[in-house]
PDB file of N, CA and C in Angstrom:
ATOM      1  N   UNK A   1     -38.866   7.070 -21.588  1.00  0.00           N
ATOM      2  CA  UNK A   1     -38.049   7.171 -20.397  1.00  0.00           C
ATOM      3  C   UNK A   1     -38.888   6.765 -19.190  1.00  0.00           C
ATOM      4  N   UNK A   2     -38.289   5.972 -18.327  1.00  0.00           N
ATOM      5  CA  UNK A   2     -38.959   5.548 -17.099  1.00  0.00           C
ATOM      6  C   UNK A   2     -38.643   6.575 -16.010  1.00  0.00           C
ATOM      7  N   UNK A   3     -39.611   7.428 -15.698  1.00  0.00           N
ATOM      8  CA  UNK A   3     -39.399   8.529 -14.754  1.00  0.00           C
ATOM      9  C   UNK A   3     -39.188   8.041 -13.329  1.00  0.00           C
ATOM     10  N   UNK A   4     -39.741   6.891 -12.995  1.00  0.00           N
ATOM     11  CA  UNK A   4     -39.542   6.337 -11.656  1.00  0.00           C
ATOM     12  C   UNK A   4     -38.075   5.941 -11.463  1.00  0.00           C
ATOM     13  N   UNK A   5     -37.505   5.275 -12.460  1.00  0.00           N
ATOM     14  CA  UNK A   5     -36.086   4.909 -12.409  1.00  0.00           C
ATOM     15  C   UNK A   5     -35.227   6.165 -12.421  1.00  0.00           C
ATOM     16  N   UNK A   6     -35.595   7.151 -13.252  1.00  0.00           N
ATOM     17  CA  UNK A   6     -34.851   8.408 -13.310  1.00  0.00           C
ATOM     18  C   UNK A   6     -34.816   9.075 -11.939  1.00  0.00           C
ATOM     19  N   UNK A   7     -35.985   9.232 -11.321  1.00  0.00           N
ATOM     20  CA  UNK A   7     -36.073   9.916 -10.029  1.00  0.00           C
ATOM     21  C   UNK A   7     -35.305   9.154  -8.953  1.00  0.00           C
ATOM     22  N   UNK A   8     -35.455   7.849  -8.930  1.00  0.00           N
ATOM     23  CA  UNK A   8     -34.764   7.026  -7.942  1.00  0.00           C
ATOM     24  C   UNK A   8     -33.248   7.140  -8.093  1.00  0.00           C
ATOM     25  N   UNK A   9     -32.770   7.055  -9.331  1.00  0.00           N
ATOM     26  CA  UNK A   9     -31.338   7.157  -9.593  1.00  0.00           C
ATOM     27  C   UNK A   9     -30.822   8.547  -9.260  1.00  0.00           C
ATOM     28  N   UNK A  10     -31.539   9.582  -9.686  1.00  0.00           N
ATOM     29  CA  UNK A  10     -31.127  10.962  -9.426  1.00  0.00           C
ATOM     30  C   UNK A  10     -31.012  11.220  -7.930  1.00  0.00           C
ATOM     31  N   UNK A  11     -32.029  10.844  -7.183  1.00  0.00           N
ATOM     32  CA  UNK A  11     -32.030  11.092  -5.738  1.00  0.00           C
ATOM     33  C   UNK A  11     -30.910  10.305  -5.054  1.00  0.00           C
ATOM     34  N   UNK A  12     -30.721   9.057  -5.454  1.00  0.00           N
ATOM     35  CA  UNK A  12     -29.669   8.232  -4.859  1.00  0.00           C
ATOM     36  C   UNK A  12     -28.293   8.831  -5.101  1.00  0.00           C
ATOM     37  N   UNK A  13     -28.008   9.196  -6.352  1.00  0.00           N
ATOM     38  CA  UNK A  13     -26.697   9.762  -6.685  1.00  0.00           C
ATOM     39  C   UNK A  13     -26.511  11.117  -6.018  1.00  0.00           C
ATOM     40  N   UNK A  14     -27.534  11.953  -6.047  1.00  0.00           N
ATOM     41  CA  UNK A  14     -27.443  13.279  -5.434  1.00  0.00           C
ATOM     42  C   UNK A  14     -27.135  13.174  -3.945  1.00  0.00           C
ATOM     43  N   UNK A  15     -27.868  12.326  -3.241  1.00  0.00           N
ATOM     44  CA  UNK A  15     -27.646  12.180  -1.803  1.00  0.00           C
ATOM     45  C   UNK A  15     -26.296  11.534  -1.499  1.00  0.00           C
ATOM     46  N   UNK A  16     -25.862  10.600  -2.342  1.00  0.00           N
ATOM     47  CA  UNK A  16     -24.570   9.948  -2.133  1.00  0.00           C
ATOM     48  C   UNK A  16     -23.419  10.930  -2.310  1.00  0.00           C
ATOM     49  N   UNK A  17     -23.585  11.909  -3.174  1.00  0.00           N
ATOM     50  CA  UNK A  17     -22.518  12.872  -3.441  1.00  0.00           C
ATOM     51  C   UNK A  17     -22.462  14.006  -2.421  1.00  0.00           C
ATOM     52  N   UNK A  18     -23.533  14.211  -1.668  1.00  0.00           N
ATOM     53  CA  UNK A  18     -23.542  15.288  -0.676  1.00  0.00           C
ATOM     54  C   UNK A  18     -22.525  14.976   0.420  1.00  0.00           C
ATOM     55  N   UNK A  19     -21.565  15.875   0.605  1.00  0.00           N
ATOM     56  CA  UNK A  19     -20.544  15.673   1.626  1.00  0.00           C
ATOM     57  C   UNK A  19     -19.503  14.636   1.255  1.00  0.00           C
ATOM     58  N   UNK A  20     -19.527  14.174   0.017  1.00  0.00           N
ATOM     59  CA  UNK A  20     -18.577  13.182  -0.460  1.00  0.00           C
ATOM     60  C   UNK A  20     -17.266  13.877  -0.814  1.00  0.00           C
ATOM     61  N   UNK A  21     -16.215  13.086  -0.993  1.00  0.00           N
ATOM     62  CA  UNK A  21     -14.911  13.666  -1.331  1.00  0.00           C
ATOM     63  C   UNK A  21     -14.962  14.448  -2.636  1.00  0.00           C
ATOM     64  N   UNK A  22     -15.840  14.064  -3.542  1.00  0.00           N
ATOM     65  CA  UNK A  22     -15.983  14.798  -4.798  1.00  0.00           C
ATOM     66  C   UNK A  22     -16.483  16.213  -4.546  1.00  0.00           C
ATOM     67  N   UNK A  23     -17.445  16.351  -3.664  1.00  0.00           N
ATOM     68  CA  UNK A  23     -17.975  17.677  -3.355  1.00  0.00           C
ATOM     69  C   UNK A  23     -16.909  18.525  -2.667  1.00  0.00           C
ATOM     70  N   UNK A  24     -16.135  17.924  -1.774  1.00  0.00           N
ATOM     71  CA  UNK A  24     -15.072  18.671  -1.104  1.00  0.00           C
ATOM     72  C   UNK A  24     -13.963  19.059  -2.081  1.00  0.00           C
ATOM     73  N   UNK A  25     -13.675  18.202  -3.053  1.00  0.00           N
ATOM     74  CA  UNK A  25     -12.685  18.541  -4.080  1.00  0.00           C
ATOM     75  C   UNK A  25     -13.173  19.717  -4.917  1.00  0.00           C
ATOM     76  N   UNK A  26     -14.454  19.723  -5.257  1.00  0.00           N
ATOM     77  CA  UNK A  26     -15.029  20.844  -6.012  1.00  0.00           C
ATOM     78  C   UNK A  26     -14.987  22.121  -5.183  1.00  0.00           C
ATOM     79  N   UNK A  27     -15.285  22.007  -3.907  1.00  0.00           N
ATOM     80  CA  UNK A  27     -15.239  23.160  -3.012  1.00  0.00           C
ATOM     81  C   UNK A  27     -13.820  23.722  -2.935  1.00  0.00           C
ATOM     82  N   UNK A  28     -12.829  22.846  -2.789  1.00  0.00           N
ATOM     83  CA  UNK A  28     -11.435  23.283  -2.718  1.00  0.00           C
ATOM     84  C   UNK A  28     -10.996  23.933  -4.022  1.00  0.00           C
ATOM     85  N   UNK A  29     -11.365  23.337  -5.148  1.00  0.00           N
ATOM     86  CA  UNK A  29     -10.977  23.898  -6.449  1.00  0.00           C
ATOM     87  C   UNK A  29     -11.600  25.266  -6.664  1.00  0.00           C
ATOM     88  N   UNK A  30     -12.861  25.419  -6.314  1.00  0.00           N
ATOM     89  CA  UNK A  30     -13.523  26.710  -6.532  1.00  0.00           C
ATOM     90  C   UNK A  30     -13.008  27.775  -5.578  1.00  0.00           C
ATOM     91  N   UNK A  31     -12.567  27.380  -4.398  1.00  0.00           N
ATOM     92  CA  UNK A  31     -12.050  28.375  -3.455  1.00  0.00           C
ATOM     93  C   UNK A  31     -10.684  28.896  -3.875  1.00  0.00           C
ATOM     94  N   UNK A  32      -9.968  28.142  -4.707  1.00  0.00           N
ATOM     95  CA  UNK A  32      -8.633  28.538  -5.140  1.00  0.00           C
ATOM     96  C   UNK A  32      -8.615  29.107  -6.558  1.00  0.00           C
ATOM     97  N   UNK A  33      -9.761  29.197  -7.186  1.00  0.00           N
ATOM     98  CA  UNK A  33      -9.821  29.633  -8.581  1.00  0.00           C
ATOM     99  C   UNK A  33     -10.487  30.994  -8.706  1.00  0.00           C
ATOM    100  N   UNK A  34     -10.036  31.732  -9.705  1.00  0.00           N
ATOM    101  CA  UNK A  34     -10.670  33.016 -10.009  1.00  0.00           C
ATOM    102  C   UNK A  34     -11.833  32.837 -10.974  1.00  0.00           C
ATOM    103  N   UNK A  35     -11.947  31.653 -11.556  1.00  0.00           N
ATOM    104  CA  UNK A  35     -12.996  31.398 -12.537  1.00  0.00           C
ATOM    105  C   UNK A  35     -13.946  30.304 -12.045  1.00  0.00           C
ATOM    106  N   UNK A  36     -14.991  30.726 -11.376  1.00  0.00           N
ATOM    107  CA  UNK A  36     -15.985  29.785 -10.858  1.00  0.00           C
ATOM    108  C   UNK A  36     -16.636  29.002 -11.990  1.00  0.00           C
ATOM    109  N   UNK A  37     -16.915  29.672 -13.099  1.00  0.00           N
ATOM    110  CA  UNK A  37     -17.563  29.009 -14.226  1.00  0.00           C
ATOM    111  C   UNK A  37     -16.698  27.878 -14.778  1.00  0.00           C
ATOM    112  N   UNK A  38     -15.387  28.111 -14.891  1.00  0.00           N
ATOM    113  CA  UNK A  38     -14.487  27.082 -15.403  1.00  0.00           C
ATOM    114  C   UNK A  38     -14.484  25.865 -14.487  1.00  0.00           C
ATOM    115  N   UNK A  39     -14.423  26.105 -13.189  1.00  0.00           N
ATOM    116  CA  UNK A  39     -14.444  25.000 -12.227  1.00  0.00           C
ATOM    117  C   UNK A  39     -15.777  24.267 -12.310  1.00  0.00           C
ATOM    118  N   UNK A  40     -16.865  25.019 -12.418  1.00  0.00           N
ATOM    119  CA  UNK A  40     -18.194  24.413 -12.493  1.00  0.00           C
ATOM    120  C   UNK A  40     -18.321  23.514 -13.728  1.00  0.00           C
ATOM    121  N   UNK A  41     -17.855  23.993 -14.862  1.00  0.00           N
ATOM    122  CA  UNK A  41     -17.920  23.201 -16.094  1.00  0.00           C
ATOM    123  C   UNK A  41     -17.060  21.947 -15.967  1.00  0.00           C
ATOM    124  N   UNK A  42     -15.855  22.095 -15.408  1.00  0.00           N
ATOM    125  CA  UNK A  42     -14.964  20.944 -15.235  1.00  0.00           C
ATOM    126  C   UNK A  42     -15.584  19.906 -14.307  1.00  0.00           C
ATOM    127  N   UNK A  43     -16.203  20.356 -13.220  1.00  0.00           N
ATOM    128  CA  UNK A  43     -16.837  19.438 -12.268  1.00  0.00           C
ATOM    129  C   UNK A  43     -17.995  18.696 -12.931  1.00  0.00           C
ATOM    130  N   UNK A  44     -18.842  19.418 -13.648  1.00  0.00           N
ATOM    131  CA  UNK A  44     -19.996  18.790 -14.306  1.00  0.00           C
ATOM    132  C   UNK A  44     -19.535  17.759 -15.338  1.00  0.00           C
ATOM    133  N   UNK A  45     -18.524  18.118 -16.144  1.00  0.00           N
ATOM    134  CA  UNK A  45     -18.032  17.186 -17.161  1.00  0.00           C
ATOM    135  C   UNK A  45     -17.364  15.966 -16.530  1.00  0.00           C
ATOM    136  N   UNK A  46     -16.565  16.189 -15.479  1.00  0.00           N
ATOM    137  CA  UNK A  46     -15.883  15.069 -14.823  1.00  0.00           C
ATOM    138  C   UNK A  46     -16.885  14.121 -14.171  1.00  0.00           C
ATOM    139  N   UNK A  47     -17.864  14.671 -13.456  1.00  0.00           N
ATOM    140  CA  UNK A  47     -18.877  13.821 -12.829  1.00  0.00           C
ATOM    141  C   UNK A  47     -19.733  13.114 -13.879  1.00  0.00           C
ATOM    142  N   UNK A  48     -20.032  13.818 -14.958  1.00  0.00           N
ATOM    143  CA  UNK A  48     -20.803  13.206 -16.040  1.00  0.00           C
ATOM    144  C   UNK A  48     -20.065  12.036 -16.659  1.00  0.00           C
ATOM    145  N   UNK A  49     -18.777  12.232 -16.945  1.00  0.00           N
ATOM    146  CA  UNK A  49     -17.978  11.155 -17.532  1.00  0.00           C
ATOM    147  C   UNK A  49     -17.850   9.981 -16.566  1.00  0.00           C
ATOM    148  N   UNK A  50     -17.599  10.273 -15.294  1.00  0.00           N
ATOM    149  CA  UNK A  50     -17.498   9.200 -14.296  1.00  0.00           C
ATOM    150  C   UNK A  50     -18.810   8.421 -14.212  1.00  0.00           C
ATOM    151  N   UNK A  51     -19.919   9.128 -14.265  1.00  0.00           N
ATOM    152  CA  UNK A  51     -21.225   8.469 -14.222  1.00  0.00           C
ATOM    153  C   UNK A  51     -21.479   7.610 -15.438  1.00  0.00           C
ATOM    154  N   UNK A  52     -21.155   8.140 -16.615  1.00  0.00           N
ATOM    155  CA  UNK A  52     -21.346   7.383 -17.862  1.00  0.00           C
ATOM    156  C   UNK A  52     -20.494   6.118 -17.845  1.00  0.00           C
ATOM    157  N   UNK A  53     -19.233   6.251 -17.433  1.00  0.00           N
ATOM    158  CA  UNK A  53     -18.369   5.069 -17.360  1.00  0.00           C
ATOM    159  C   UNK A  53     -18.903   4.059 -16.347  1.00  0.00           C
ATOM    160  N   UNK A  54     -19.417   4.547 -15.229  1.00  0.00           N
ATOM    161  CA  UNK A  54     -20.005   3.654 -14.232  1.00  0.00           C
ATOM    162  C   UNK A  54     -21.192   2.886 -14.779  1.00  0.00           C
ATOM    163  N   UNK A  55     -22.038   3.572 -15.536  1.00  0.00           N
ATOM    164  CA  UNK A  55     -23.209   2.915 -16.132  1.00  0.00           C
ATOM    165  C   UNK A  55     -22.774   1.879 -17.166  1.00  0.00           C
ATOM    166  N   UNK A  56     -21.818   2.242 -18.011  1.00  0.00           N
ATOM    167  CA  UNK A  56     -21.350   1.316 -19.052  1.00  0.00           C
ATOM    168  C   UNK A  56     -20.714   0.077 -18.429  1.00  0.00           C
ATOM    169  N   UNK A  57     -19.782   0.289 -17.479  1.00  0.00           N
ATOM    170  CA  UNK A  57     -19.131  -0.855 -16.838  1.00  0.00           C
ATOM    171  C   UNK A  57     -20.124  -1.664 -16.009  1.00  0.00           C
ATOM    172  N   UNK A  58     -21.056  -0.988 -15.352  1.00  0.00           N
ATOM    173  CA  UNK A  58     -22.075  -1.687 -14.568  1.00  0.00           C
ATOM    174  C   UNK A  58     -22.951  -2.561 -15.439  1.00  0.00           C
ATOM    175  N   UNK A  59     -23.339  -2.044 -16.592  1.00  0.00           N
ATOM    176  CA  UNK A  59     -24.168  -2.825 -17.523  1.00  0.00           C
ATOM    177  C   UNK A  59     -23.401  -4.047 -18.024  1.00  0.00           C
ATOM    178  N   UNK A  60     -22.117  -3.831 -18.367  1.00  0.00           N
ATOM    179  CA  UNK A  60     -21.271  -4.924 -18.846  1.00  0.00           C
ATOM    180  C   UNK A  60     -21.074  -5.977 -17.756  1.00  0.00           C
ATOM    181  N   UNK A  61     -20.701  -5.530 -16.546  1.00  0.00           N
ATOM    182  CA  UNK A  61     -20.480  -6.473 -15.456  1.00  0.00           C
ATOM    183  C   UNK A  61     -21.773  -7.160 -15.032  1.00  0.00           C
ATOM    184  N   UNK A  62     -22.894  -6.460 -15.183  1.00  0.00           N
ATOM    185  CA  UNK A  62     -24.186  -7.043 -14.842  1.00  0.00           C
ATOM    186  C   UNK A  62     -24.541  -8.236 -15.708  1.00  0.00           C
ATOM    187  N   UNK A  63     -23.985  -8.282 -16.906  1.00  0.00           N
ATOM    188  CA  UNK A  63     -24.223  -9.439 -17.774  1.00  0.00           C
ATOM    189  C   UNK A  63     -23.319 -10.611 -17.406  1.00  0.00           C
ATOM    190  N   UNK A  64     -22.230 -10.330 -16.683  1.00  0.00           N
ATOM    191  CA  UNK A  64     -21.275 -11.377 -16.325  1.00  0.00           C
ATOM    192  C   UNK A  64     -21.441 -11.900 -14.905  1.00  0.00           C
ATOM    193  N   UNK A  65     -21.852 -11.021 -13.997  1.00  0.00           N
ATOM    194  CA  UNK A  65     -21.886 -11.372 -12.581  1.00  0.00           C
ATOM    195  C   UNK A  65     -23.304 -11.338 -12.019  1.00  0.00           C
ATOM    196  N   UNK A  66     -23.519 -12.136 -11.019  1.00  0.00           N
ATOM    197  CA  UNK A  66     -24.753 -12.133 -10.249  1.00  0.00           C
ATOM    198  C   UNK A  66     -24.875 -10.774  -9.538  1.00  0.00           C
ATOM    199  N   UNK A  67     -26.066 -10.173  -9.484  1.00  0.00           N
ATOM    200  CA  UNK A  67     -26.227  -8.873  -8.810  1.00  0.00           C
ATOM    201  C   UNK A  67     -25.736  -8.868  -7.358  1.00  0.00           C
ATOM    202  N   UNK A  68     -25.888  -9.973  -6.650  1.00  0.00           N
ATOM    203  CA  UNK A  68     -25.416 -10.039  -5.261  1.00  0.00           C
ATOM    204  C   UNK A  68     -23.891  -9.954  -5.213  1.00  0.00           C
ATOM    205  N   UNK A  69     -23.219 -10.615  -6.149  1.00  0.00           N
ATOM    206  CA  UNK A  69     -21.758 -10.548  -6.217  1.00  0.00           C
ATOM    207  C   UNK A  69     -21.326  -9.127  -6.557  1.00  0.00           C
ATOM    208  N   UNK A  70     -22.032  -8.492  -7.488  1.00  0.00           N
ATOM    209  CA  UNK A  70     -21.731  -7.093  -7.847  1.00  0.00           C
ATOM    210  C   UNK A  70     -21.829  -6.200  -6.621  1.00  0.00           C
ATOM    211  N   UNK A  71     -22.833  -6.441  -5.803  1.00  0.00           N
ATOM    212  CA  UNK A  71     -23.034  -5.647  -4.590  1.00  0.00           C
ATOM    213  C   UNK A  71     -21.831  -5.793  -3.658  1.00  0.00           C
ATOM    214  N   UNK A  72     -21.368  -7.022  -3.446  1.00  0.00           N
ATOM    215  CA  UNK A  72     -20.225  -7.262  -2.572  1.00  0.00           C
ATOM    216  C   UNK A  72     -18.928  -6.709  -3.160  1.00  0.00           C
ATOM    217  N   UNK A  73     -18.741  -6.877  -4.463  1.00  0.00           N
ATOM    218  CA  UNK A  73     -17.529  -6.369  -5.109  1.00  0.00           C
ATOM    219  C   UNK A  73     -17.480  -4.848  -5.025  1.00  0.00           C
ATOM    220  N   UNK A  74     -18.574  -4.171  -5.362  1.00  0.00           N
ATOM    221  CA  UNK A  74     -18.575  -2.707  -5.327  1.00  0.00           C
ATOM    222  C   UNK A  74     -18.442  -2.193  -3.896  1.00  0.00           C
ATOM    223  N   UNK A  75     -19.070  -2.857  -2.935  1.00  0.00           N
ATOM    224  CA  UNK A  75     -18.919  -2.464  -1.534  1.00  0.00           C
ATOM    225  C   UNK A  75     -17.492  -2.637  -1.048  1.00  0.00           C
ATOM    226  N   UNK A  76     -16.870  -3.736  -1.430  1.00  0.00           N
ATOM    227  CA  UNK A  76     -15.478  -3.990  -1.050  1.00  0.00           C
ATOM    228  C   UNK A  76     -14.542  -2.963  -1.668  1.00  0.00           C
ATOM    229  N   UNK A  77     -14.772  -2.648  -2.942  1.00  0.00           N
ATOM    230  CA  UNK A  77     -13.948  -1.626  -3.595  1.00  0.00           C
ATOM    231  C   UNK A  77     -14.107  -0.275  -2.911  1.00  0.00           C
ATOM    232  N   UNK A  78     -15.322   0.057  -2.515  1.00  0.00           N
ATOM    233  CA  UNK A  78     -15.577   1.315  -1.818  1.00  0.00           C
ATOM    234  C   UNK A  78     -14.788   1.364  -0.509  1.00  0.00           C
ATOM    235  N   UNK A  79     -14.806   0.272   0.240  1.00  0.00           N
ATOM    236  CA  UNK A  79     -14.060   0.207   1.501  1.00  0.00           C
ATOM    237  C   UNK A  79     -12.561   0.314   1.246  1.00  0.00           C
ATOM    238  N   UNK A  80     -12.053  -0.395   0.237  1.00  0.00           N
ATOM    239  CA  UNK A  80     -10.625  -0.342  -0.077  1.00  0.00           C
ATOM    240  C   UNK A  80     -10.183   1.062  -0.479  1.00  0.00           C
ATOM    241  N   UNK A  81     -10.982   1.737  -1.284  1.00  0.00           N
ATOM    242  CA  UNK A  81     -10.647   3.112  -1.670  1.00  0.00           C
ATOM    243  C   UNK A  81     -10.658   4.011  -0.437  1.00  0.00           C
ATOM    244  N   UNK A  82     -11.618   3.815   0.453  1.00  0.00           N
ATOM    245  CA  UNK A  82     -11.667   4.594   1.688  1.00  0.00           C
ATOM    246  C   UNK A  82     -10.423   4.394   2.536  1.00  0.00           C
ATOM    247  N   UNK A  83      -9.975   3.158   2.678  1.00  0.00           N
ATOM    248  CA  UNK A  83      -8.752   2.866   3.430  1.00  0.00           C
ATOM    249  C   UNK A  83      -7.557   3.514   2.757  1.00  0.00           C
ATOM    250  N   UNK A  84      -7.494   3.423   1.432  1.00  0.00           N
ATOM    251  CA  UNK A  84      -6.393   4.028   0.685  1.00  0.00           C
ATOM    252  C   UNK A  84      -6.361   5.541   0.899  1.00  0.00           C
ATOM    253  N   UNK A  85      -7.517   6.191   0.838  1.00  0.00           N
ATOM    254  CA  UNK A  85      -7.588   7.641   1.041  1.00  0.00           C
ATOM    255  C   UNK A  85      -7.143   7.998   2.457  1.00  0.00           C
ATOM    256  N   UNK A  86      -7.570   7.228   3.439  1.00  0.00           N
ATOM    257  CA  UNK A  86      -7.211   7.512   4.830  1.00  0.00           C
ATOM    258  C   UNK A  86      -5.732   7.291   5.121  1.00  0.00           C
ATOM    259  N   UNK A  87      -5.108   6.345   4.435  1.00  0.00           N
ATOM    260  CA  UNK A  87      -3.713   6.011   4.727  1.00  0.00           C
ATOM    261  C   UNK A  87      -2.717   6.654   3.769  1.00  0.00           C
ATOM    262  N   UNK A  88      -3.196   7.307   2.718  1.00  0.00           N
ATOM    263  CA  UNK A  88      -2.292   7.933   1.743  1.00  0.00           C
ATOM    264  C   UNK A  88      -1.552   9.094   2.393  1.00  0.00           C
ATOM    265  N   UNK A  89      -0.297   9.209   2.068  1.00  0.00           N
ATOM    266  CA  UNK A  89       0.507  10.312   2.596  1.00  0.00           C
ATOM    267  C   UNK A  89       0.343  11.520   1.694  1.00  0.00           C
ATOM    268  N   UNK A  90       0.278  12.682   2.342  1.00  0.00           N
ATOM    269  CA  UNK A  90       0.193  13.913   1.552  1.00  0.00           C
ATOM    270  C   UNK A  90      -1.126  14.450   1.439  1.00  0.00           C
TER     271      UNK A  90
END
């Protein structure tokens, strides 16, 4: 295992998730639940699955696309999701 890559990835993901909509969703779910452990397990599994899928799709797309194009595509998708969240009703 490359510990430098591990540490870099861990710190990047951890800092990116701080104050993110995922953290606020977890906060809202735990505030409305009587079972903190159940919410905690669900959050860990959901984030784990999302991360695994991101790594798998990223590896696959990395073989097809130039890294610079991947950067622009992922940045654009992030902006589009942000606009969608801001404009969604309800």
